[in-house]
PDB file of N, CA and C in Angstrom:
ATOM      1  N   MET A   1      41.042 213.311 105.557  1.00  0.00           N
ATOM      2  CA  MET A   1      41.773 214.230 105.174  1.00  0.00           C
ATOM      3  C   MET A   1      41.438 215.484 104.412  1.00  0.00           C
ATOM      4  N   PHE A   2      41.715 216.876 104.406  1.00  0.00           N
ATOM      5  CA  PHE A   2      41.297 218.060 103.082  1.00  0.00           C
ATOM      6  C   PHE A   2      42.349 218.939 103.149  1.00  0.00           C
ATOM      7  N   CYS A   3      42.065 219.413 102.072  1.00  0.00           N
ATOM      8  CA  CYS A   3      43.499 220.346 101.486  1.00  0.00           C
ATOM      9  C   CYS A   3      43.301 221.624 102.500  1.00  0.00           C
ATOM     10  N   SER A   4      43.662 221.942 102.524  1.00  0.00           N
ATOM     11  CA  SER A   4      43.645 223.530 103.697  1.00  0.00           C
ATOM     12  C   SER A   4      43.437 224.658 102.787  1.00  0.00           C
ATOM     13  N   ASN A   5      43.734 224.524 101.601  1.00  0.00           N
ATOM     14  CA  ASN A   5      43.947 225.452 100.844  1.00  0.00           C
ATOM     15  C   ASN A   5      42.709 225.455  99.732  1.00  0.00           C
ATOM     16  N   CYS A   6      42.171 224.409  99.422  1.00  0.00           N
ATOM     17  CA  CYS A   6      40.823 224.103  98.134  1.00  0.00           C
ATOM     18  C   CYS A   6      40.020 223.473  99.018  1.00  0.00           C
ATOM     19  N   GLY A   7      39.966 223.117  99.984  1.00  0.00           N
ATOM     20  CA  GLY A   7      38.844 221.898 100.485  1.00  0.00           C
ATOM     21  C   GLY A   7      38.935 220.737  99.889  1.00  0.00           C
ATOM     22  N   THR A   8      39.468 220.080  99.164  1.00  0.00           N
ATOM     23  CA  THR A   8      39.263 219.179  98.506  1.00  0.00           C
ATOM     24  C   THR A   8      39.648 217.597  99.141  1.00  0.00           C
ATOM     25  N   GLU A   9      38.825 216.870  99.245  1.00  0.00           N
ATOM     26  CA  GLU A   9      39.043 215.640  99.833  1.00  0.00           C
ATOM     27  C   GLU A   9      40.619 215.070  99.680  1.00  0.00           C
ATOM     28  N   LEU A  10      41.224 214.460 100.453  1.00  0.00           N
ATOM     29  CA  LEU A  10      42.294 214.146 100.125  1.00  0.00           C
ATOM     30  C   LEU A  10      42.753 212.157 100.582  1.00  0.00           C
ATOM     31  N   PRO A  11      43.191 211.529  99.806  1.00  0.00           N
ATOM     32  CA  PRO A  11      43.793 210.192 100.067  1.00  0.00           C
ATOM     33  C   PRO A  11      44.976 210.586 101.235  1.00  0.00           C
ATOM     34  N   ASP A  12      44.690 209.616 102.185  1.00  0.00           N
ATOM     35  CA  ASP A  12      45.913 209.806 103.328  1.00  0.00           C
ATOM     36  C   ASP A  12      47.626 209.541 102.513  1.00  0.00           C
ATOM     37  N   GLU A  13      47.779 209.017 101.570  1.00  0.00           N
ATOM     38  CA  GLU A  13      49.031 208.649 101.227  1.00  0.00           C
ATOM     39  C   GLU A  13      49.994 209.907 100.384  1.00  0.00           C
ATOM     40  N   VAL A  14      48.899 210.888 100.224  1.00  0.00           N
ATOM     41  CA  VAL A  14      49.436 212.295  99.199  1.00  0.00           C
ATOM     42  C   VAL A  14      49.884 213.014  99.919  1.00  0.00           C
ATOM     43  N   ASN A  15      50.944 213.701  99.438  1.00  0.00           N
ATOM     44  CA  ASN A  15      51.728 214.957  99.706  1.00  0.00           C
ATOM     45  C   ASN A  15      51.268 216.277  99.460  1.00  0.00           C
ATOM     46  N   PHE A  16      50.820 216.415  98.155  1.00  0.00           N
ATOM     47  CA  PHE A  16      50.155 217.517  97.570  1.00  0.00           C
ATOM     48  C   PHE A  16      48.821 217.170  97.212  1.00  0.00           C
ATOM     49  N   CYS A  17      48.058 218.076  97.154  1.00  0.00           N
ATOM     50  CA  CYS A  17      46.330 217.934  96.697  1.00  0.00           C
ATOM     51  C   CYS A  17      46.840 217.826  95.122  1.00  0.00           C
ATOM     52  N   PRO A  18      45.789 216.721  94.869  1.00  0.00           N
ATOM     53  CA  PRO A  18      45.859 216.813  93.366  1.00  0.00           C
ATOM     54  C   PRO A  18      45.264 217.866  92.526  1.00  0.00           C
ATOM     55  N   LYS A  19      44.300 218.317  93.199  1.00  0.00           N
ATOM     56  CA  LYS A  19      43.645 219.607  92.420  1.00  0.00           C
ATOM     57  C   LYS A  19      43.976 221.013  92.413  1.00  0.00           C
ATOM     58  N   CYS A  20      45.172 221.482  93.550  1.00  0.00           N
ATOM     59  CA  CYS A  20      45.647 222.663  93.563  1.00  0.00           C
ATOM     60  C   CYS A  20      47.059 222.863  93.887  1.00  0.00           C
ATOM     61  N   GLY A  21      47.600 221.388  93.785  1.00  0.00           N
ATOM     62  CA  GLY A  21      49.284 221.176  94.002  1.00  0.00           C
ATOM     63  C   GLY A  21      49.594 221.901  95.518  1.00  0.00           C
ATOM     64  N   HIS A  22      49.080 222.226  96.436  1.00  0.00           N
ATOM     65  CA  HIS A  22      49.243 222.688  97.515  1.00  0.00           C
ATOM     66  C   HIS A  22      49.778 221.561  98.722  1.00  0.00           C
ATOM     67  N   ALA A  23      51.048 222.021  99.127  1.00  0.00           N
ATOM     68  CA  ALA A  23      51.789 220.929 100.302  1.00  0.00           C
ATOM     69  C   ALA A  23      50.596 220.477 101.117  1.00  0.00           C
ATOM     70  N   VAL A  24      50.519 219.416 101.230  1.00  0.00           N
ATOM     71  CA  VAL A  24      49.684 218.675 102.515  1.00  0.00           C
ATOM     72  C   VAL A  24      50.357 218.570 103.946  1.00  0.00           C
ATOM     73  N   ARG A  25      51.215 218.068 103.890  1.00  0.00           N
ATOM     74  CA  ARG A  25      52.224 217.839 104.751  1.00  0.00           C
ATOM     75  C   ARG A  25      53.418 218.665 104.911  1.00  0.00           C
ATOM     76  N   ASP A  26      54.155 218.562 106.035  1.00  0.00           N
ATOM     77  CA  ASP A  26      55.492 219.204 106.289  1.00  0.00           C
ATOM     78  C   ASP A  26      56.463 218.904 105.472  1.00  0.00           C
ATOM     79  N   ARG A  27      57.481 219.432 105.172  1.00  0.00           N
ATOM     80  CA  ARG A  27      58.643 218.731 104.571  1.00  0.00           C
ATOM     81  C   ARG A  27      59.038 217.783 105.128  1.00  0.00           C
ATOM     82  N   ALA A  28      59.222 217.477 106.441  1.00  0.00           N
ATOM     83  CA  ALA A  28      59.757 216.075 107.012  1.00  0.00           C
ATOM     84  C   ALA A  28      59.107 214.707 106.664  1.00  0.00           C
ATOM     85  N   GLU A  29      57.885 215.267 106.835  1.00  0.00           N
ATOM     86  CA  GLU A  29      56.934 214.416 106.171  1.00  0.00           C
ATOM     87  C   GLU A  29      57.150 213.512 104.943  1.00  0.00           C
ATOM     88  N   HIS A  30      57.702 214.267 104.132  1.00  0.00           N
ATOM     89  CA  HIS A  30      57.741 213.620 102.948  1.00  0.00           C
ATOM     90  C   HIS A  30      58.953 212.632 102.437  1.00  0.00           C
ATOM     91  N   ARG A  31      58.353 211.924 101.586  1.00  0.00           N
ATOM     92  CA  ARG A  31      59.420 210.503 101.284  1.00  0.00           C
ATOM     93  C   ARG A  31      60.307 211.105 100.393  1.00  0.00           C
ATOM     94  N   ASP A  32      61.395 210.789 100.527  1.00  0.00           N
ATOM     95  CA  ASP A  32      62.962 211.294  99.808  1.00  0.00           C
ATOM     96  C   ASP A  32      62.405 211.147  98.237  1.00  0.00           C
ATOM     97  N   GLU A  33      61.592 210.052  97.691  1.00  0.00           N
ATOM     98  CA  GLU A  33      61.257 210.124  96.615  1.00  0.00           C
ATOM     99  C   GLU A  33      59.724 210.966  95.931  1.00  0.00           C
ATOM    100  N   ARG A  34      60.212 211.741  95.309  1.00  0.00           N
ATOM    101  CA  ARG A  34      59.111 212.602  95.041  1.00  0.00           C
ATOM    102  C   ARG A  34      58.620 212.650  93.465  1.00  0.00           C
ATOM    103  N   TRP A  35      57.503 212.646  93.056  1.00  0.00           N
ATOM    104  CA  TRP A  35      56.905 212.405  91.828  1.00  0.00           C
ATOM    105  C   TRP A  35      56.013 213.794  91.330  1.00  0.00           C
ATOM    106  N   GLU A  36      56.096 213.941  90.414  1.00  0.00           N
ATOM    107  CA  GLU A  36      55.404 215.085  89.354  1.00  0.00           C
ATOM    108  C   GLU A  36      54.034 213.906  88.382  1.00  0.00           C
ATOM    109  N   VAL A  37      53.272 214.440  88.235  1.00  0.00           N
ATOM    110  CA  VAL A  37      52.017 213.466  87.400  1.00  0.00           C
ATOM    111  C   VAL A  37      51.429 214.205  86.543  1.00  0.00           C
ATOM    112  N   CYS A  38      51.351 213.706  85.004  1.00  0.00           N
ATOM    113  CA  CYS A  38      50.523 214.557  84.201  1.00  0.00           C
ATOM    114  C   CYS A  38      49.648 213.578  83.137  1.00  0.00           C
ATOM    115  N   GLY A  39      48.817 214.066  82.721  1.00  0.00           N
ATOM    116  CA  GLY A  39      47.951 213.239  81.807  1.00  0.00           C
ATOM    117  C   GLY A  39      47.552 214.128  80.665  1.00  0.00           C
ATOM    118  N   ILE A  40      47.428 213.493  79.504  1.00  0.00           N
ATOM    119  CA  ILE A  40      47.205 214.157  77.990  1.00  0.00           C
ATOM    120  C   ILE A  40      45.666 213.904  77.967  1.00  0.00           C
ATOM    121  N   GLN A  41      45.341 215.128  77.908  1.00  0.00           N
ATOM    122  CA  GLN A  41      43.648 215.301  77.679  1.00  0.00           C
ATOM    123  C   GLN A  41      43.618 216.168  76.142  1.00  0.00           C
ATOM    124  N   ILE A  42      42.084 216.493  75.743  1.00  0.00           N
ATOM    125  CA  ILE A  42      41.503 217.249  74.935  1.00  0.00           C
ATOM    126  C   ILE A  42      41.357 218.378  75.217  1.00  0.00           C
ATOM    127  N   GLY A  43      41.476 219.735  74.973  1.00  0.00           N
ATOM    128  CA  GLY A  43      41.279 220.869  75.497  1.00  0.00           C
ATOM    129  C   GLY A  43      40.958 221.794  74.403  1.00  0.00           C
ATOM    130  N   LYS A  44      39.783 222.498  74.504  1.00  0.00           N
ATOM    131  CA  LYS A  44      39.402 223.397  73.458  1.00  0.00           C
ATOM    132  C   LYS A  44      40.202 224.737  73.655  1.00  0.00           C
ATOM    133  N   THR A  45      40.601 225.337  72.125  1.00  0.00           N
ATOM    134  CA  THR A  45      41.117 226.525  72.270  1.00  0.00           C
ATOM    135  C   THR A  45      39.965 227.615  72.663  1.00  0.00           C
ATOM    136  N   GLY A  46      40.360 229.253  72.593  1.00  0.00           N
ATOM    137  CA  GLY A  46      39.341 229.934  72.961  1.00  0.00           C
ATOM    138  C   GLY A  46      38.274 230.294  72.254  1.00  0.00           C
ATOM    139  N   ASP A  47      38.622 230.148  70.816  1.00  0.00           N
ATOM    140  CA  ASP A  47      37.370 230.235  70.067  1.00  0.00           C
ATOM    141  C   ASP A  47      36.362 229.090  69.564  1.00  0.00           C
ATOM    142  N   GLY A  48      36.726 228.063  70.935  1.00  0.00           N
ATOM    143  CA  GLY A  48      35.717 226.876  70.521  1.00  0.00           C
ATOM    144  C   GLY A  48      35.552 225.958  69.605  1.00  0.00           C
ATOM    145  N   ARG A  49      35.802 226.681  68.193  1.00  0.00           N
ATOM    146  CA  ARG A  49      35.964 225.546  67.166  1.00  0.00           C
ATOM    147  C   ARG A  49      37.404 224.760  67.052  1.00  0.00           C
ATOM    148  N   THR A  50      38.106 225.270  67.398  1.00  0.00           N
ATOM    149  CA  THR A  50      39.704 224.213  67.390  1.00  0.00           C
ATOM    150  C   THR A  50      39.441 223.662  68.649  1.00  0.00           C
ATOM    151  N   SER A  51      40.520 222.771  68.671  1.00  0.00           N
ATOM    152  CA  SER A  51      41.030 221.793  69.678  1.00  0.00           C
ATOM    153  C   SER A  51      42.273 221.993  69.901  1.00  0.00           C
ATOM    154  N   ARG A  52      42.905 221.097  70.971  1.00  0.00           N
ATOM    155  CA  ARG A  52      44.406 220.836  71.122  1.00  0.00           C
ATOM    156  C   ARG A  52      44.479 219.765  72.248  1.00  0.00           C
ATOM    157  N   TRP A  53      45.808 218.653  72.045  1.00  0.00           N
ATOM    158  CA  TRP A  53      45.917 218.077  73.205  1.00  0.00           C
ATOM    159  C   TRP A  53      47.094 218.759  74.212  1.00  0.00           C
ATOM    160  N   VAL A  54      46.386 218.199  75.194  1.00  0.00           N
ATOM    161  CA  VAL A  54      47.150 218.686  76.328  1.00  0.00           C
ATOM    162  C   VAL A  54      47.620 218.414  77.394  1.00  0.00           C
ATOM    163  N   ALA A  55      49.066 218.483  77.899  1.00  0.00           N
ATOM    164  CA  ALA A  55      49.587 217.279  78.999  1.00  0.00           C
ATOM    165  C   ALA A  55      49.392 218.100  80.066  1.00  0.00           C
ATOM    166  N   ARG A  56      48.585 218.415  81.314  1.00  0.00           N
ATOM    167  CA  ARG A  56      48.224 219.031  82.393  1.00  0.00           C
ATOM    168  C   ARG A  56      48.982 218.108  83.369  1.00  0.00           C
ATOM    169  N   ALA A  57      50.051 218.859  84.062  1.00  0.00           N
ATOM    170  CA  ALA A  57      50.849 218.157  85.332  1.00  0.00           C
ATOM    171  C   ALA A  57      50.424 218.921  86.450  1.00  0.00           C
ATOM    172  N   ILE A  58      50.584 218.172  87.216  1.00  0.00           N
ATOM    173  CA  ILE A  58      50.670 218.425  88.768  1.00  0.00           C
ATOM    174  C   ILE A  58      51.923 217.808  89.453  1.00  0.00           C
ATOM    175  N   GLY A  59      52.442 218.789  90.608  1.00  0.00           N
ATOM    176  CA  GLY A  59      53.236 218.404  91.321  1.00  0.00           C
ATOM    177  C   GLY A  59      53.862 219.605  92.403  1.00  0.00           C
ATOM    178  N   PRO A  60      54.884 219.830  93.052  1.00  0.00           N
ATOM    179  CA  PRO A  60      55.087 220.578  94.060  1.00  0.00           C
ATOM    180  C   PRO A  60      55.059 221.967  93.629  1.00  0.00           C
ATOM    181  N   ARG A  61      55.345 222.010  92.400  1.00  0.00           N
ATOM    182  CA  ARG A  61      55.286 223.614  91.874  1.00  0.00           C
ATOM    183  C   ARG A  61      53.957 223.989  91.453  1.00  0.00           C
ATOM    184  N   GLY A  62      52.694 223.127  91.743  1.00  0.00           N
ATOM    185  CA  GLY A  62      51.605 223.370  91.729  1.00  0.00           C
ATOM    186  C   GLY A  62      51.060 222.712  90.004  1.00  0.00           C
ATOM    187  N   GLN A  63      50.334 223.270  89.483  1.00  0.00           N
ATOM    188  CA  GLN A  63      49.595 222.821  88.095  1.00  0.00           C
ATOM    189  C   GLN A  63      49.989 223.776  86.881  1.00  0.00           C
ATOM    190  N   TRP A  64      50.334 222.527  85.745  1.00  0.00           N
ATOM    191  CA  TRP A  64      50.813 223.630  84.897  1.00  0.00           C
ATOM    192  C   TRP A  64      50.596 222.597  83.574  1.00  0.00           C
ATOM    193  N   ASP A  65      50.834 223.458  82.401  1.00  0.00           N
ATOM    194  CA  ASP A  65      50.607 222.463  81.215  1.00  0.00           C
ATOM    195  C   ASP A  65      52.107 222.252  80.592  1.00  0.00           C
ATOM    196  N   ALA A  66      52.469 220.802  80.376  1.00  0.00           N
ATOM    197  CA  ALA A  66      53.653 220.360  80.602  1.00  0.00           C
ATOM    198  C   ALA A  66      53.868 220.430  78.876  1.00  0.00           C
ATOM    199  N   ALA A  67      53.031 220.449  78.006  1.00  0.00           N
ATOM    200  CA  ALA A  67      53.212 220.646  76.712  1.00  0.00           C
ATOM    201  C   ALA A  67      51.817 220.556  75.971  1.00  0.00           C
ATOM    202  N   GLU A  68      51.744 221.016  74.779  1.00  0.00           N
ATOM    203  CA  GLU A  68      50.535 221.099  74.210  1.00  0.00           C
ATOM    204  C   GLU A  68      50.610 220.863  72.751  1.00  0.00           C
ATOM    205  N   SER A  69      49.585 220.400  71.927  1.00  0.00           N
ATOM    206  CA  SER A  69      49.941 220.334  70.413  1.00  0.00           C
ATOM    207  C   SER A  69      49.238 221.608  69.863  1.00  0.00           C
ATOM    208  N   VAL A  70      49.827 221.487  68.386  1.00  0.00           N
ATOM    209  CA  VAL A  70      49.073 222.680  67.461  1.00  0.00           C
ATOM    210  C   VAL A  70      47.582 222.216  67.797  1.00  0.00           C
ATOM    211  N   PRO A  71      47.093 223.876  67.441  1.00  0.00           N
ATOM    212  CA  PRO A  71      45.419 223.473  67.181  1.00  0.00           C
ATOM    213  C   PRO A  71      44.827 222.934  66.131  1.00  0.00           C
ATOM    214  N   PHE A  72      43.758 222.189  66.301  1.00  0.00           N
ATOM    215  CA  PHE A  72      43.245 221.476  65.082  1.00  0.00           C
ATOM    216  C   PHE A  72      41.713 221.457  65.063  1.00  0.00           C
ATOM    217  N   PRO A  73      40.843 221.392  64.132  1.00  0.00           N
ATOM    218  CA  PRO A  73      39.493 221.569  64.222  1.00  0.00           C
ATOM    219  C   PRO A  73      38.849 220.617  65.128  1.00  0.00           C
ATOM    220  N   SER A  74      38.113 221.162  65.795  1.00  0.00           N
ATOM    221  CA  SER A  74      37.359 220.376  67.377  1.00  0.00           C
ATOM    222  C   SER A  74      36.428 219.160  66.886  1.00  0.00           C
ATOM    223  N   ASP A  75      35.670 219.287  65.597  1.00  0.00           N
ATOM    224  CA  ASP A  75      35.244 217.875  65.259  1.00  0.00           C
ATOM    225  C   ASP A  75      36.254 216.916  64.603  1.00  0.00           C
ATOM    226  N   LYS A  76      37.292 216.918  64.574  1.00  0.00           N
ATOM    227  CA  LYS A  76      38.349 216.056  63.810  1.00  0.00           C
ATOM    228  C   LYS A  76      39.688 215.840  64.853  1.00  0.00           C
ATOM    229  N   TRP A  77      39.229 215.362  66.209  1.00  0.00           N
ATOM    230  CA  TRP A  77      40.095 215.111  67.191  1.00  0.00           C
ATOM    231  C   TRP A  77      40.643 213.806  66.966  1.00  0.00           C
ATOM    232  N   ALA A  78      39.551 213.006  66.801  1.00  0.00           N
ATOM    233  CA  ALA A  78      39.872 211.638  66.514  1.00  0.00           C
ATOM    234  C   ALA A  78      40.873 211.165  65.551  1.00  0.00           C
ATOM    235  N   GLN A  79      40.888 212.176  64.392  1.00  0.00           N
ATOM    236  CA  GLN A  79      41.775 212.062  63.551  1.00  0.00           C
ATOM    237  C   GLN A  79      43.129 212.794  63.672  1.00  0.00           C
ATOM    238  N   GLN A  80      43.625 213.242  64.820  1.00  0.00           N
ATOM    239  CA  GLN A  80      44.919 213.785  65.192  1.00  0.00           C
ATOM    240  C   GLN A  80      45.979 212.575  65.674  1.00  0.00           C
ATOM    241  N   PRO A  81      46.289 211.637  65.433  1.00  0.00           N
ATOM    242  CA  PRO A  81      47.190 210.728  65.898  1.00  0.00           C
ATOM    243  C   PRO A  81      48.478 211.501  66.219  1.00  0.00           C
ATOM    244  N   SER A  82      48.794 212.227  64.836  1.00  0.00           N
ATOM    245  CA  SER A  82      50.203 212.750  65.047  1.00  0.00           C
ATOM    246  C   SER A  82      50.434 213.873  65.949  1.00  0.00           C
ATOM    247  N   ALA A  83      49.297 214.894  66.267  1.00  0.00           N
ATOM    248  CA  ALA A  83      49.372 215.750  67.350  1.00  0.00           C
ATOM    249  C   ALA A  83      49.466 215.256  68.788  1.00  0.00           C
ATOM    250  N   PHE A  84      48.680 213.756  68.935  1.00  0.00           N
ATOM    251  CA  PHE A  84      48.686 213.307  70.213  1.00  0.00           C
ATOM    252  C   PHE A  84      50.253 212.379  70.617  1.00  0.00           C
ATOM    253  N   LEU A  85      50.481 212.006  69.022  1.00  0.00           N
ATOM    254  CA  LEU A  85      52.064 211.636  69.756  1.00  0.00           C
ATOM    255  C   LEU A  85      53.028 212.421  69.572  1.00  0.00           C
ATOM    256  N   ALA A  86      53.009 213.778  68.903  1.00  0.00           N
ATOM    257  CA  ALA A  86      54.005 214.850  69.267  1.00  0.00           C
ATOM    258  C   ALA A  86      54.212 215.318  70.633  1.00  0.00           C
ATOM    259  N   ILE A  87      53.079 215.272  71.488  1.00  0.00           N
ATOM    260  CA  ILE A  87      52.944 215.681  72.682  1.00  0.00           C
ATOM    261  C   ILE A  87      53.911 214.516  73.582  1.00  0.00           C
ATOM    262  N   VAL A  88      53.283 213.152  73.093  1.00  0.00           N
ATOM    263  CA  VAL A  88      54.010 212.142  74.173  1.00  0.00           C
ATOM    264  C   VAL A  88      55.836 211.841  74.019  1.00  0.00           C
ATOM    265  N   VAL A  89      56.105 212.214  72.289  1.00  0.00           N
ATOM    266  CA  VAL A  89      57.502 212.480  72.450  1.00  0.00           C
ATOM    267  C   VAL A  89      58.176 213.539  72.963  1.00  0.00           C
ATOM    268  N   GLN A  90      57.620 214.734  73.017  1.00  0.00           N
ATOM    269  CA  GLN A  90      57.820 215.795  73.819  1.00  0.00           C
ATOM    270  C   GLN A  90      57.919 215.475  75.357  1.00  0.00           C
ATOM    271  N   LEU A  91      57.061 214.857  76.281  1.00  0.00           N
ATOM    272  CA  LEU A  91      56.817 214.284  77.173  1.00  0.00           C
ATOM    273  C   LEU A  91      58.416 213.235  77.680  1.00  0.00           C
ATOM    274  N   LEU A  92      58.480 212.439  76.908  1.00  0.00           N
ATOM    275  CA  LEU A  92      59.382 211.523  76.884  1.00  0.00           C
ATOM    276  C   LEU A  92      60.541 212.306  76.733  1.00  0.00           C
ATOM    277  N   GLY A  93      60.907 212.861  76.268  1.00  0.00           N
ATOM    278  CA  GLY A  93      62.282 213.911  75.812  1.00  0.00           C
ATOM    279  C   GLY A  93      62.502 214.577  77.334  1.00  0.00           C
ATOM    280  N   ASP A  94      61.262 215.587  78.136  1.00  0.00           N
ATOM    281  CA  ASP A  94      61.618 216.307  78.764  1.00  0.00           C
ATOM    282  C   ASP A  94      61.659 215.146  80.175  1.00  0.00           C
ATOM    283  N   GLY A  95      61.623 213.759  80.177  1.00  0.00           N
ATOM    284  CA  GLY A  95      61.868 212.879  81.441  1.00  0.00           C
ATOM    285  C   GLY A  95      60.740 212.278  81.687  1.00  0.00           C
ATOM    286  N   TRP A  96      59.520 212.406  81.373  1.00  0.00           N
ATOM    287  CA  TRP A  96      58.736 211.901  82.122  1.00  0.00           C
ATOM    288  C   TRP A  96      58.454 210.411  81.222  1.00  0.00           C
ATOM    289  N   GLU A  97      57.744 209.800  82.277  1.00  0.00           N
ATOM    290  CA  GLU A  97      57.682 207.994  81.877  1.00  0.00           C
ATOM    291  C   GLU A  97      56.067 207.642  81.893  1.00  0.00           C
ATOM    292  N   PRO A  98      56.258 206.845  80.959  1.00  0.00           N
ATOM    293  CA  PRO A  98      54.597 206.429  80.835  1.00  0.00           C
ATOM    294  C   PRO A  98      54.239 205.372  82.142  1.00  0.00           C
ATOM    295  N   MET A  99      53.258 205.851  82.444  1.00  0.00           N
ATOM    296  CA  MET A  99      52.284 204.955  83.758  1.00  0.00           C
ATOM    297  C   MET A  99      51.286 204.270  83.040  1.00  0.00           C
ATOM    298  N   GLY A 100      50.852 204.369  81.924  1.00  0.00           N
ATOM    299  CA  GLY A 100      49.629 203.179  81.361  1.00  0.00           C
ATOM    300  C   GLY A 100      48.547 204.569  81.078  1.00  0.00           C
ATOM    301  N   GLY A 101      47.286 203.604  80.955  1.00  0.00           N
ATOM    302  CA  GLY A 101      46.202 204.554  80.810  1.00  0.00           C
ATOM    303  C   GLY A 101      45.112 204.937  82.031  1.00  0.00           C
ATOM    304  N   ALA A 102      45.547 204.029  82.933  1.00  0.00           N
ATOM    305  CA  ALA A 102      45.145 203.990  84.104  1.00  0.00           C
ATOM    306  C   ALA A 102      44.948 205.443  85.179  1.00  0.00           C
ATOM    307  N   GLU A 103      43.973 206.057  86.004  1.00  0.00           N
ATOM    308  CA  GLU A 103      44.332 207.061  86.775  1.00  0.00           C
ATOM    309  C   GLU A 103      45.448 206.582  87.824  1.00  0.00           C
ATOM    310  N   PRO A 104      46.249 207.701  88.115  1.00  0.00           N
ATOM    311  CA  PRO A 104      47.485 207.083  88.929  1.00  0.00           C
ATOM    312  C   PRO A 104      46.994 206.666  90.603  1.00  0.00           C
ATOM    313  N   ARG A 105      47.477 205.842  91.155  1.00  0.00           N
ATOM    314  CA  ARG A 105      46.848 205.949  92.929  1.00  0.00           C
ATOM    315  C   ARG A 105      46.883 207.209  93.812  1.00  0.00           C
ATOM    316  N   GLY A 106      46.125 207.523  94.090  1.00  0.00           N
ATOM    317  CA  GLY A 106      45.316 208.706  95.079  1.00  0.00           C
ATOM    318  C   GLY A 106      45.061 209.726  94.793  1.00  0.00           C
ATOM    319  N   VAL A 107      44.717 209.398  93.332  1.00  0.00           N
ATOM    320  CA  VAL A 107      44.029 210.773  92.420  1.00  0.00           C
ATOM    321  C   VAL A 107      42.684 210.518  92.325  1.00  0.00           C
ATOM    322  N   PRO A 108      41.967 211.775  92.982  1.00  0.00           N
ATOM    323  CA  PRO A 108      40.536 211.248  93.224  1.00  0.00           C
ATOM    324  C   PRO A 108      39.724 211.563  91.863  1.00  0.00           C
ATOM    325  N   ALA A 109      38.438 211.301  91.849  1.00  0.00           N
ATOM    326  CA  ALA A 109      37.794 211.149  90.522  1.00  0.00           C
ATOM    327  C   ALA A 109      37.445 212.709  90.660  1.00  0.00           C
ATOM    328  N   ASP A 110      37.656 213.243  89.622  1.00  0.00           N
ATOM    329  CA  ASP A 110      37.525 214.593  89.151  1.00  0.00           C
ATOM    330  C   ASP A 110      37.269 215.038  87.489  1.00  0.00           C
ATOM    331  N   PRO A 111      36.375 215.552  87.227  1.00  0.00           N
ATOM    332  CA  PRO A 111      35.997 215.771  85.971  1.00  0.00           C
ATOM    333  C   PRO A 111      37.282 216.216  84.761  1.00  0.00           C
ATOM    334  N   THR A 112      38.304 216.707  85.048  1.00  0.00           N
ATOM    335  CA  THR A 112      39.177 217.000  84.374  1.00  0.00           C
ATOM    336  C   THR A 112      40.111 215.655  84.578  1.00  0.00           C
ATOM    337  N   VAL A 113      40.347 214.807  85.617  1.00  0.00           N
ATOM    338  CA  VAL A 113      41.047 213.870  85.662  1.00  0.00           C
ATOM    339  C   VAL A 113      40.430 212.527  84.611  1.00  0.00           C
ATOM    340  N   ALA A 114      39.213 212.271  84.726  1.00  0.00           N
ATOM    341  CA  ALA A 114      38.539 211.724  84.151  1.00  0.00           C
ATOM    342  C   ALA A 114      38.620 211.696  82.183  1.00  0.00           C
ATOM    343  N   ASN A 115      38.845 213.046  82.020  1.00  0.00           N
ATOM    344  CA  ASN A 115      39.036 212.996  80.581  1.00  0.00           C
ATOM    345  C   ASN A 115      40.696 212.680  80.020  1.00  0.00           C
ATOM    346  N   MET A 116      41.610 212.301  80.693  1.00  0.00           N
ATOM    347  CA  MET A 116      42.803 212.058  80.454  1.00  0.00           C
ATOM    348  C   MET A 116      43.111 210.729  80.116  1.00  0.00           C
ATOM    349  N   TRP A 117      43.513 210.571  78.958  1.00  0.00           N
ATOM    350  CA  TRP A 117      43.606 209.309  77.889  1.00  0.00           C
ATOM    351  C   TRP A 117      45.076 208.627  78.661  1.00  0.00           C
ATOM    352  N   ARG A 118      46.144 209.434  78.907  1.00  0.00           N
ATOM    353  CA  ARG A 118      47.297 209.010  79.299  1.00  0.00           C
ATOM    354  C   ARG A 118      47.986 209.658  80.474  1.00  0.00           C
ATOM    355  N   PHE A 119      48.949 209.048  81.238  1.00  0.00           N
ATOM    356  CA  PHE A 119      49.248 209.404  81.965  1.00  0.00           C
ATOM    357  C   PHE A 119      50.703 209.431  82.239  1.00  0.00           C
ATOM    358  N   PHE A 120      51.348 210.558  82.713  1.00  0.00           N
ATOM    359  CA  PHE A 120      53.185 209.740  82.759  1.00  0.00           C
ATOM    360  C   PHE A 120      53.188 210.390  84.079  1.00  0.00           C
ATOM    361  N   ARG A 121      54.734 210.173  84.887  1.00  0.00           N
ATOM    362  CA  ARG A 121      55.332 210.645  85.969  1.00  0.00           C
ATOM    363  C   ARG A 121      56.841 210.921  85.715  1.00  0.00           C
ATOM    364  N   ARG A 122      57.457 211.887  86.576  1.00  0.00           N
ATOM    365  CA  ARG A 122      58.682 212.029  86.615  1.00  0.00           C
ATOM    366  C   ARG A 122      59.117 212.364  88.010  1.00  0.00           C
ATOM    367  N   ARG A 123      60.560 211.935  88.043  1.00  0.00           N
ATOM    368  CA  ARG A 123      60.959 212.446  89.514  1.00  0.00           C
ATOM    369  C   ARG A 123      60.802 213.696  89.603  1.00  0.00           C
ATOM    370  N   VAL A 124      60.968 214.573  90.716  1.00  0.00           N
ATOM    371  CA  VAL A 124      61.042 215.722  90.930  1.00  0.00           C
ATOM    372  C   VAL A 124      62.503 216.303  90.885  1.00  0.00           C
ATOM    373  N   ARG A 125      62.796 217.186  90.088  1.00  0.00           N
ATOM    374  CA  ARG A 125      64.134 217.317  89.875  1.00  0.00           C
ATOM    375  C   ARG A 125      64.722 218.343  91.456  1.00  0.00           C
ATOM    376  N   GLY A 126      65.829 218.240  91.742  1.00  0.00           N
ATOM    377  CA  GLY A 126      66.028 219.085  92.459  1.00  0.00           C
ATOM    378  C   GLY A 126      65.923 219.041  93.893  1.00  0.00           C
TER     379      GLY A 126
END
């Protein structure tokens, strides 16, 4: 099965394209319980000299940044555990629950997903 919006190959069990967030099934086919997923990854800022931790999320609303840290020098990212922990605390406060470090089931290999260090999920609200 392929996404009709972006053409990404999809696992059979997904309801939304993990690349673009497009719904791949009619609402009638959706299970009662739906989840959003996000993963924390390192991202460079526009100047290229600084980086920040970013929690990239995907769900029925598409893709968005659920949280991001303050910028820090790109060559010092491994020394920024407090910035990483600040995002974890923010996600937990927003109702996200940790999934561990493994990629969520049904998420295809993708360069942006492979760089994610930690995954979270939460039930879709409303």
